[in-house]
Amino acid sequence: MKILIINNFNSENRVGGVEYYLHELIQYAEKNNSDYIFKWFGKDKIKTNWVEKFYHKTITQEIIREIQSFQPDIIHCHSIGAPVTPHFMEFAKSKGIAIVFSFRDYYYICPKNYMLNDKNDVLHTHESALECILNHQPKRNILFDSLLYLKQSHHKSIIKKYINFFLTPSENLTQFISNHFQKEGKTLPNPILIEQIQNSKTEGNYILFVGRLVPEKGVLTLLKTFQNISKQFPKEQLWIVGKGSQLEGLQNFAKNNQLKNVLFLGNKSRKELQDIYANSKFSVVPSEYLEAYGNVILESLAFGKTVITSDLVGIKNEIEQHNVGLTYSYKNPKELEEKIIELLSNSNLKTELERNIPNYLAAKTFSKHFEDLVSVYEDLLIRNR
């Protein structure tokens, strides 16, 4: 079976988690199963004007030529929208090729993507264009936000018309997509994308955050919380791995409040990150926007390290059901502080959470994920004949 992967960016330009996942997927298929041939179409990171954001004619024609040359049985779309626009789908459908679309965030529900209004309330429905443009986060300006909404709506109508099946990593996102697109689909949780060293016995004196340093990740809230924690636990450190637009502001906050036990480590390689996870006490994921999943949680668990996460990550229900970490309300920083203190002071609780991790991760292997993915392909191929 031949599968054409279509993504905004290519295999030489790993912008984020999606690109890293696709690289691992193709490598796994090549090493373990010659029956499935994947080919990845994506572009170098290029700038686009607003016309090209709505319809990129040149790239659409490139994809059509790729379809004609490769003759895939299935097309699997991941993160597209710009520079890749979905107009190639009409041609693919005319050739009888089934299309799978992986939704990895809430963009095609709300183009602002945070699923929060200006009162920081989580959105449970999304119907009004005017409400979205004026009152949903993040806000730029009326013109930009209006164009963003029009672009999303245009692409959404094309995707809704031509896809056969959808996948999402979390039940919450699956429910939203099902309601908005009225298409068949399922939840396919993300696999572990980092080499596992479960039940690492080493432990340093630091709590860990890994991620982009942008406001929606909640790092400032974590720093404010750590102010109080460091008074009660003066030997504990907070290690922050990552870069982003908020870095300088976070560093200034730590300096101005004399948080000497906070270390900003910048970006790290996969090997360096493995060592950092392995020697941490636990990880904190203080997200303040609705995340579809939360891969850094899986990475921490892969080293036998428990997590504390806000209730806005898609993996929240799994954490609670399998008792592998603690969750708190993102609107309650005091609760975050209490959870961190609880793990620092209650070794029995921490041990109990860590003991449950291996059983939970047993279903998160790449082999299991690949098996579930190709079963979707096989079913679609049979039904599409």
Protein backbone atom coordinates (compact mmCIF):
# COMPACT_ATOMS: atom_id res chain seq x y z
CA MET A 1 0.00 0.00 0.00
CA LYS A 2 1.27 3.47 -0.91
CA ILE A 3 0.49 6.41 1.38
CA LEU A 4 1.20 10.00 0.40
CA ILE A 5 1.73 12.16 3.49
CA ILE A 6 0.95 15.83 2.93
CA ASN A 7 2.20 18.35 5.47
CA ASN A 8 3.07 22.05 5.38
CA PHE A 9 6.75 21.34 5.86
CA ASN A 10 9.13 18.66 4.66
CA SER A 11 11.34 16.06 6.27
CA GLU A 12 14.40 18.30 6.15
CA ASN A 13 12.65 21.05 8.05
CA ARG A 14 11.47 19.64 11.39
CA VAL A 15 9.59 22.66 12.67
CA GLY A 16 7.87 20.89 15.53
CA GLY A 17 6.34 17.73 16.92
CA VAL A 18 4.38 16.87 13.78
CA GLU A 19 7.50 16.79 11.62
CA TYR A 20 9.38 14.73 14.19
CA TYR A 21 6.48 12.27 14.37
CA LEU A 22 6.32 11.91 10.57
CA HIS A 23 10.05 11.26 10.43
CA GLU A 24 9.69 8.51 13.03
CA LEU A 25 6.65 7.06 11.25
CA ILE A 26 8.44 6.70 7.91
CA GLN A 27 11.54 5.28 9.56
CA TYR A 28 9.46 2.73 11.47
CA ALA A 29 7.64 1.63 8.30
CA GLU A 30 10.91 1.21 6.41
CA LYS A 31 12.46 -0.86 9.17
CA ASN A 32 9.51 -3.04 10.08
CA ASN A 33 6.99 -3.40 7.28
CA SER A 34 7.74 -3.32 3.56
CA ASP A 35 4.03 -3.59 2.71
CA TYR A 36 3.50 0.11 3.49
CA ILE A 37 5.35 2.71 1.44
CA PHE A 38 5.17 6.28 2.72
CA LYS A 39 6.13 9.35 0.73
CA TRP A 40 6.20 12.78 2.35
CA PHE A 41 5.26 15.96 0.52
CA GLY A 42 6.09 19.21 2.30
CA LYS A 43 7.88 22.47 1.67
CA ASP A 44 10.79 24.32 3.15
CA LYS A 45 9.62 26.96 5.56
CA ILE A 46 8.47 29.71 3.19
CA LYS A 47 6.61 32.97 3.62
CA THR A 48 3.23 33.38 1.95
CA ASN A 49 1.10 36.40 1.20
CA TRP A 50 -2.60 36.49 2.04
CA VAL A 51 -3.66 35.36 -1.44
CA GLU A 52 -1.37 32.31 -1.17
CA LYS A 53 -2.65 31.60 2.33
CA PHE A 54 -6.16 31.25 0.89
CA TYR A 55 -5.09 29.35 -2.24
CA HIS A 56 -1.51 28.49 -3.12
CA LYS A 57 -1.85 27.63 -6.81
CA THR A 58 1.81 26.69 -7.38
CA ILE A 59 1.98 24.25 -4.46
CA THR A 60 -1.43 22.78 -5.34
CA GLN A 61 -0.12 22.00 -8.82
CA GLU A 62 3.02 20.43 -7.32
CA ILE A 63 0.88 18.14 -5.16
CA ILE A 64 -1.26 17.13 -8.14
CA ARG A 65 1.90 16.18 -10.05
CA GLU A 66 3.06 14.21 -6.99
CA ILE A 67 -0.24 12.35 -6.90
CA GLN A 68 0.00 11.53 -10.60
CA SER A 69 3.57 10.31 -10.22
CA PHE A 70 3.33 8.39 -6.95
CA GLN A 71 -0.25 7.09 -7.46
CA PRO A 72 -1.02 6.64 -3.75
CA ASP A 73 -3.73 4.39 -2.39
CA ILE A 74 -4.29 6.75 0.54
CA ILE A 75 -3.53 10.42 1.14
CA HIS A 76 -2.92 11.32 4.77
CA CYS A 77 -2.95 15.04 5.59
CA HIS A 78 -1.37 16.38 8.75
CA SER A 79 -0.67 20.06 9.46
CA ILE A 80 -1.70 21.97 6.35
CA GLY A 81 -3.08 25.44 5.76
CA ALA A 82 -0.03 27.50 4.70
CA PRO A 83 2.00 27.12 2.61
CA VAL A 84 0.05 23.98 1.63
CA THR A 85 -3.64 24.68 1.04
CA PRO A 86 -6.26 21.90 0.71
CA HIS A 87 -7.31 22.56 -2.90
CA PHE A 88 -5.53 19.42 -4.16
CA MET A 89 -8.25 17.35 -2.48
CA GLU A 90 -10.70 17.83 -5.33
CA PHE A 91 -8.25 16.27 -7.78
CA ALA A 92 -7.46 13.39 -5.40
CA LYS A 93 -11.15 12.69 -4.94
CA SER A 94 -11.70 12.67 -8.71
CA LYS A 95 -9.11 9.89 -8.90
CA GLY A 96 -10.91 7.84 -6.25
CA ILE A 97 -8.17 8.25 -3.62
CA ALA A 98 -9.33 8.11 0.01
CA ILE A 99 -8.20 11.03 2.20
CA VAL A 100 -7.42 10.81 5.91
CA PHE A 101 -6.99 14.04 7.88
CA SER A 102 -5.20 14.18 11.24
CA PHE A 103 -6.45 17.10 13.33
CA ARG A 104 -3.77 17.88 15.91
CA ASP A 105 -5.18 21.06 17.41
CA TYR A 106 -8.38 23.12 17.57
CA TYR A 107 -7.64 25.41 14.60
CA TYR A 108 -10.46 24.03 12.45
CA ILE A 109 -12.89 24.56 15.31
CA CYS A 110 -11.70 28.04 16.27
CA PRO A 111 -9.05 29.72 14.07
CA LYS A 112 -7.64 31.44 17.18
CA ASN A 113 -6.81 27.86 18.32
CA TYR A 114 -6.72 28.55 22.09
CA MET A 115 -10.42 27.71 22.64
CA LEU A 116 -10.61 30.51 25.21
CA ASN A 117 -12.66 33.71 25.22
CA ASP A 118 -11.47 37.06 26.54
CA LYS A 119 -12.70 36.09 30.02
CA ASN A 120 -10.44 33.01 29.98
CA ASP A 121 -13.45 30.70 29.83
CA VAL A 122 -12.99 27.48 27.84
CA LEU A 123 -15.14 27.35 24.72
CA HIS A 124 -17.47 24.37 24.56
CA THR A 125 -19.21 25.48 21.36
CA HIS A 126 -18.15 27.64 18.43
CA GLU A 127 -20.85 28.99 16.16
CA SER A 128 -20.51 32.78 15.75
CA ALA A 129 -17.95 34.38 13.43
CA LEU A 130 -18.40 37.79 15.06
CA GLU A 131 -17.96 36.36 18.54
CA CYS A 132 -14.78 34.61 17.42
CA ILE A 133 -13.30 37.69 15.76
CA LEU A 134 -14.09 40.06 18.62
CA ASN A 135 -13.89 37.95 21.77
CA HIS A 136 -11.74 34.85 21.32
CA GLN A 137 -8.06 34.64 22.26
CA PRO A 138 -5.49 35.56 21.07
CA LYS A 139 -6.55 38.86 19.54
CA ARG A 140 -4.49 40.79 16.97
CA ASN A 141 -6.69 43.34 15.21
CA ILE A 142 -10.05 43.31 13.42
CA LEU A 143 -8.57 43.04 9.92
CA PHE A 144 -6.12 40.24 10.71
CA ASP A 145 -8.62 38.27 12.77
CA SER A 146 -11.30 38.63 10.09
CA LEU A 147 -8.96 37.39 7.36
CA LEU A 148 -7.89 34.51 9.60
CA TYR A 149 -11.50 33.49 10.13
CA LEU A 150 -12.30 33.70 6.40
CA LYS A 151 -9.23 31.63 5.51
CA GLN A 152 -10.08 28.96 8.07
CA SER A 153 -13.73 28.83 6.96
CA HIS A 154 -12.76 28.49 3.29
CA HIS A 155 -10.29 25.67 3.96
CA LYS A 156 -12.68 24.00 6.38
CA SER A 157 -15.41 23.81 3.71
CA ILE A 158 -13.00 22.08 1.31
CA ILE A 159 -11.76 19.61 3.93
CA LYS A 160 -15.30 18.84 5.05
CA LYS A 161 -16.33 18.10 1.46
CA TYR A 162 -13.50 15.79 0.47
CA ILE A 163 -12.04 13.88 3.42
CA ASN A 164 -13.15 10.30 4.11
CA PHE A 165 -11.92 9.86 7.66
CA PHE A 166 -10.32 11.85 10.46
CA LEU A 167 -7.98 11.10 13.34
CA THR A 168 -7.28 13.10 16.51
CA PRO A 169 -5.08 12.36 19.54
CA SER A 170 -7.73 12.99 22.23
CA GLU A 171 -11.39 12.24 22.89
CA ASN A 172 -12.24 15.89 23.50
CA LEU A 173 -10.91 16.94 20.10
CA THR A 174 -12.57 13.95 18.44
CA GLN A 175 -15.94 15.08 19.78
CA PHE A 176 -15.45 18.61 18.47
CA ILE A 177 -14.34 17.45 15.02
CA SER A 178 -17.17 14.94 14.77
CA ASN A 179 -19.74 17.63 15.58
CA HIS A 180 -18.29 20.22 13.19
CA PHE A 181 -17.39 18.03 10.23
CA GLN A 182 -20.03 15.30 10.41
CA LYS A 183 -17.46 12.77 9.21
CA GLU A 184 -16.39 9.37 10.41
CA GLY A 185 -13.27 9.32 12.57
CA LYS A 186 -11.60 8.07 15.72
CA THR A 187 -9.15 8.90 18.47
CA LEU A 188 -5.62 7.64 17.86
CA PRO A 189 -3.45 8.74 20.82
CA ASN A 190 0.08 9.89 20.18
CA PRO A 191 2.87 7.35 20.69
CA ILE A 192 6.04 7.87 22.69
CA LEU A 193 8.60 9.59 20.47
CA ILE A 194 11.56 9.45 22.81
CA GLU A 195 13.70 6.47 23.76
CA GLN A 196 12.27 5.03 26.96
CA ILE A 197 14.24 4.55 30.13
CA GLN A 198 11.37 3.64 32.39
CA ASN A 199 11.75 3.75 36.15
CA SER A 200 14.96 5.74 36.13
CA LYS A 201 16.41 5.45 39.62
CA THR A 202 18.42 8.66 39.42
CA GLU A 203 16.92 11.88 40.72
CA GLY A 204 18.30 15.38 40.94
CA ASN A 205 16.99 18.30 42.92
CA TYR A 206 14.99 19.94 40.16
CA ILE A 207 11.44 20.17 38.86
CA LEU A 208 11.23 20.31 35.06
CA PHE A 209 9.37 22.30 32.43
CA VAL A 210 9.88 21.51 28.73
CA GLY A 211 8.19 23.49 25.96
CA ARG A 212 7.88 26.72 24.04
CA LEU A 213 8.28 29.85 26.14
CA VAL A 214 5.11 31.63 25.08
CA PRO A 215 2.30 33.04 27.26
CA GLU A 216 -0.18 30.24 26.58
CA LYS A 217 2.19 27.64 28.05
CA GLY A 218 1.73 29.12 31.54
CA VAL A 219 5.41 29.41 32.43
CA LEU A 220 4.93 32.78 34.13
CA THR A 221 2.28 31.21 36.36
CA LEU A 222 4.76 28.44 37.18
CA LEU A 223 7.45 31.00 38.12
CA LYS A 224 5.03 32.87 40.38
CA THR A 225 4.11 29.59 42.03
CA PHE A 226 7.78 28.67 42.46
CA GLN A 227 8.35 31.92 44.38
CA ASN A 228 6.38 30.51 47.29
CA ILE A 229 7.66 26.95 46.91
CA SER A 230 11.31 28.01 47.04
CA LYS A 231 10.72 29.60 50.45
CA GLN A 232 9.51 26.27 51.84
CA PHE A 233 11.94 24.15 49.82
CA PRO A 234 15.05 26.35 49.34
CA LYS A 235 17.17 23.53 47.85
CA GLU A 236 14.74 22.72 45.06
CA GLN A 237 15.40 24.05 41.57
CA LEU A 238 13.20 24.69 38.55
CA TRP A 239 14.78 23.84 35.19
CA ILE A 240 13.15 25.39 32.13
CA VAL A 241 13.98 23.86 28.74
CA GLY A 242 12.93 25.72 25.61
CA LYS A 243 12.93 29.05 23.84
CA GLY A 244 10.27 31.47 22.67
CA SER A 245 8.99 35.03 22.56
CA GLN A 246 8.51 35.18 26.34
CA LEU A 247 12.06 34.14 27.27
CA GLU A 248 13.40 37.59 28.09
CA GLY A 249 10.32 38.51 30.11
CA LEU A 250 10.55 35.29 32.12
CA GLN A 251 14.25 35.80 32.77
CA ASN A 252 13.58 39.35 33.95
CA PHE A 253 10.83 38.14 36.28
CA ALA A 254 13.17 35.56 37.81
CA LYS A 255 15.94 38.16 38.20
CA ASN A 256 13.67 40.86 39.65
CA ASN A 257 12.23 38.43 42.18
CA GLN A 258 15.60 36.90 43.05
CA LEU A 259 14.63 33.42 41.94
CA LYS A 260 18.18 32.09 41.95
CA ASN A 261 17.09 28.46 41.78
CA VAL A 262 15.50 28.87 38.33
CA LEU A 263 17.67 27.78 35.38
CA PHE A 264 16.84 28.66 31.77
CA LEU A 265 18.55 26.00 29.64
CA GLY A 266 17.39 26.95 26.13
CA ASN A 267 16.70 24.26 23.53
CA LYS A 268 18.31 20.86 24.00
CA SER A 269 19.05 17.96 21.68
CA ARG A 270 17.07 14.73 22.05
CA LYS A 271 20.05 13.09 23.79
CA GLU A 272 20.50 15.99 26.21
CA LEU A 273 16.77 16.02 26.88
CA GLN A 274 16.81 12.34 27.75
CA ASP A 275 19.41 12.95 30.45
CA ILE A 276 17.45 15.91 31.80
CA TYR A 277 14.22 13.92 32.03
CA ALA A 278 16.01 10.95 33.61
CA ASN A 279 17.43 13.04 36.45
CA SER A 280 14.38 15.20 37.18
CA LYS A 281 12.03 14.79 40.12
CA PHE A 282 8.89 15.33 38.04
CA SER A 283 7.59 17.57 35.25
CA VAL A 284 5.05 20.39 35.31
CA VAL A 285 2.87 21.26 32.30
CA PRO A 286 0.98 24.46 33.27
CA SER A 287 -0.80 25.03 29.94
CA GLU A 288 -3.27 27.91 29.84
CA TYR A 289 -4.92 27.09 26.52
CA LEU A 290 -6.71 23.97 25.30
CA GLU A 291 -4.03 21.56 24.06
CA ALA A 292 -5.07 18.60 21.95
CA TYR A 293 -2.73 16.22 23.76
CA GLY A 294 0.56 16.95 25.55
CA ASN A 295 3.57 15.04 24.20
CA VAL A 296 5.98 16.30 26.86
CA ILE A 297 3.85 14.44 29.39
CA LEU A 298 4.51 11.16 27.59
CA GLU A 299 8.19 12.01 27.42
CA SER A 300 8.40 12.56 31.17
CA LEU A 301 6.48 9.36 31.87
CA ALA A 302 8.82 7.46 29.54
CA PHE A 303 11.54 8.00 32.14
CA GLY A 304 9.32 6.92 35.01
CA LYS A 305 8.81 10.53 36.10
CA THR A 306 5.33 11.61 37.14
CA VAL A 307 3.72 14.89 36.04
CA ILE A 308 1.55 17.74 37.23
CA THR A 309 -0.57 19.23 34.47
CA SER A 310 -3.37 21.73 34.05
CA ASP A 311 -6.83 20.48 33.13
CA LEU A 312 -6.51 22.00 29.64
CA VAL A 313 -4.34 19.25 28.14
CA GLY A 314 -6.07 16.56 26.11
CA ILE A 315 -4.31 13.78 27.95
CA LYS A 316 -5.77 14.92 31.31
CA ASN A 317 -8.41 12.17 31.51
CA GLU A 318 -5.84 9.47 30.81
CA ILE A 319 -3.59 10.79 33.58
CA GLU A 320 -6.43 10.67 36.08
CA GLN A 321 -7.82 7.31 34.96
CA HIS A 322 -4.43 5.57 35.11
CA ASN A 323 -3.26 7.48 38.21
CA VAL A 324 0.13 8.40 36.76
CA GLY A 325 0.13 12.10 37.67
CA LEU A 326 -1.77 15.00 39.21
CA THR A 327 -4.00 17.59 37.56
CA TYR A 328 -5.23 21.01 38.65
CA SER A 329 -7.57 23.73 37.41
CA TYR A 330 -5.67 26.13 35.15
CA LYS A 331 -7.56 29.03 36.75
CA ASN A 332 -6.23 28.14 40.18
CA PRO A 333 -2.46 28.81 40.58
CA LYS A 334 -2.80 28.12 44.30
CA GLU A 335 -3.90 24.59 43.46
CA LEU A 336 -0.80 24.17 41.28
CA GLU A 337 1.34 25.24 44.23
CA GLU A 338 -0.40 22.72 46.49
CA LYS A 339 0.15 19.89 43.98
CA ILE A 340 3.86 20.66 43.66
CA ILE A 341 4.27 20.79 47.45
CA GLU A 342 2.35 17.53 47.72
CA LEU A 343 4.79 15.72 45.42
CA LEU A 344 7.83 17.28 47.11
CA SER A 345 6.69 16.32 50.59
CA ASN A 346 4.78 13.05 50.07
CA SER A 347 7.21 10.41 48.83
CA ASN A 348 4.59 7.64 49.13
CA LEU A 349 2.24 9.41 46.72
CA LYS A 350 5.05 10.10 44.27
CA THR A 351 6.15 6.44 44.39
CA GLU A 352 2.58 5.24 43.86
CA LEU A 353 2.16 7.42 40.75
CA GLU A 354 5.50 6.28 39.34
CA ARG A 355 4.63 2.63 39.94
CA ASN A 356 1.58 2.95 37.68
CA ILE A 357 3.48 4.39 34.72
CA PRO A 358 4.75 1.19 32.99
CA ASN A 359 1.27 -0.29 32.62
CA TYR A 360 -0.05 2.94 31.19
CA LEU A 361 2.78 3.26 28.67
CA ALA A 362 2.37 -0.32 27.45
CA ALA A 363 -0.31 0.90 25.02
CA LYS A 364 1.74 3.93 23.91
CA THR A 365 4.45 2.16 21.92
CA PHE A 366 5.11 3.13 18.33
CA SER A 367 4.43 -0.45 17.22
CA LYS A 368 0.91 -0.33 18.71
CA HIS A 369 0.30 3.10 17.21
CA PHE A 370 1.47 1.92 13.77
CA GLU A 371 -0.74 -1.16 13.96
CA ASP A 372 -3.82 0.96 14.73
CA LEU A 373 -2.94 3.47 12.01
CA VAL A 374 -2.54 0.96 9.18
CA SER A 375 -5.78 -0.74 10.21
CA VAL A 376 -7.50 2.58 9.42
CA TYR A 377 -5.79 2.61 6.01
CA GLU A 378 -6.78 -0.99 5.29
CA ASP A 379 -10.43 -0.41 6.20
CA LEU A 380 -10.60 2.71 4.05
CA LEU A 381 -9.00 0.97 1.09
CA ILE A 382 -11.54 -1.84 1.23
CA ARG A 383 -14.48 0.53 1.50
CA ASN A 384 -13.14 2.83 -1.23
CA ARG A 385 -12.84 0.14 -3.90
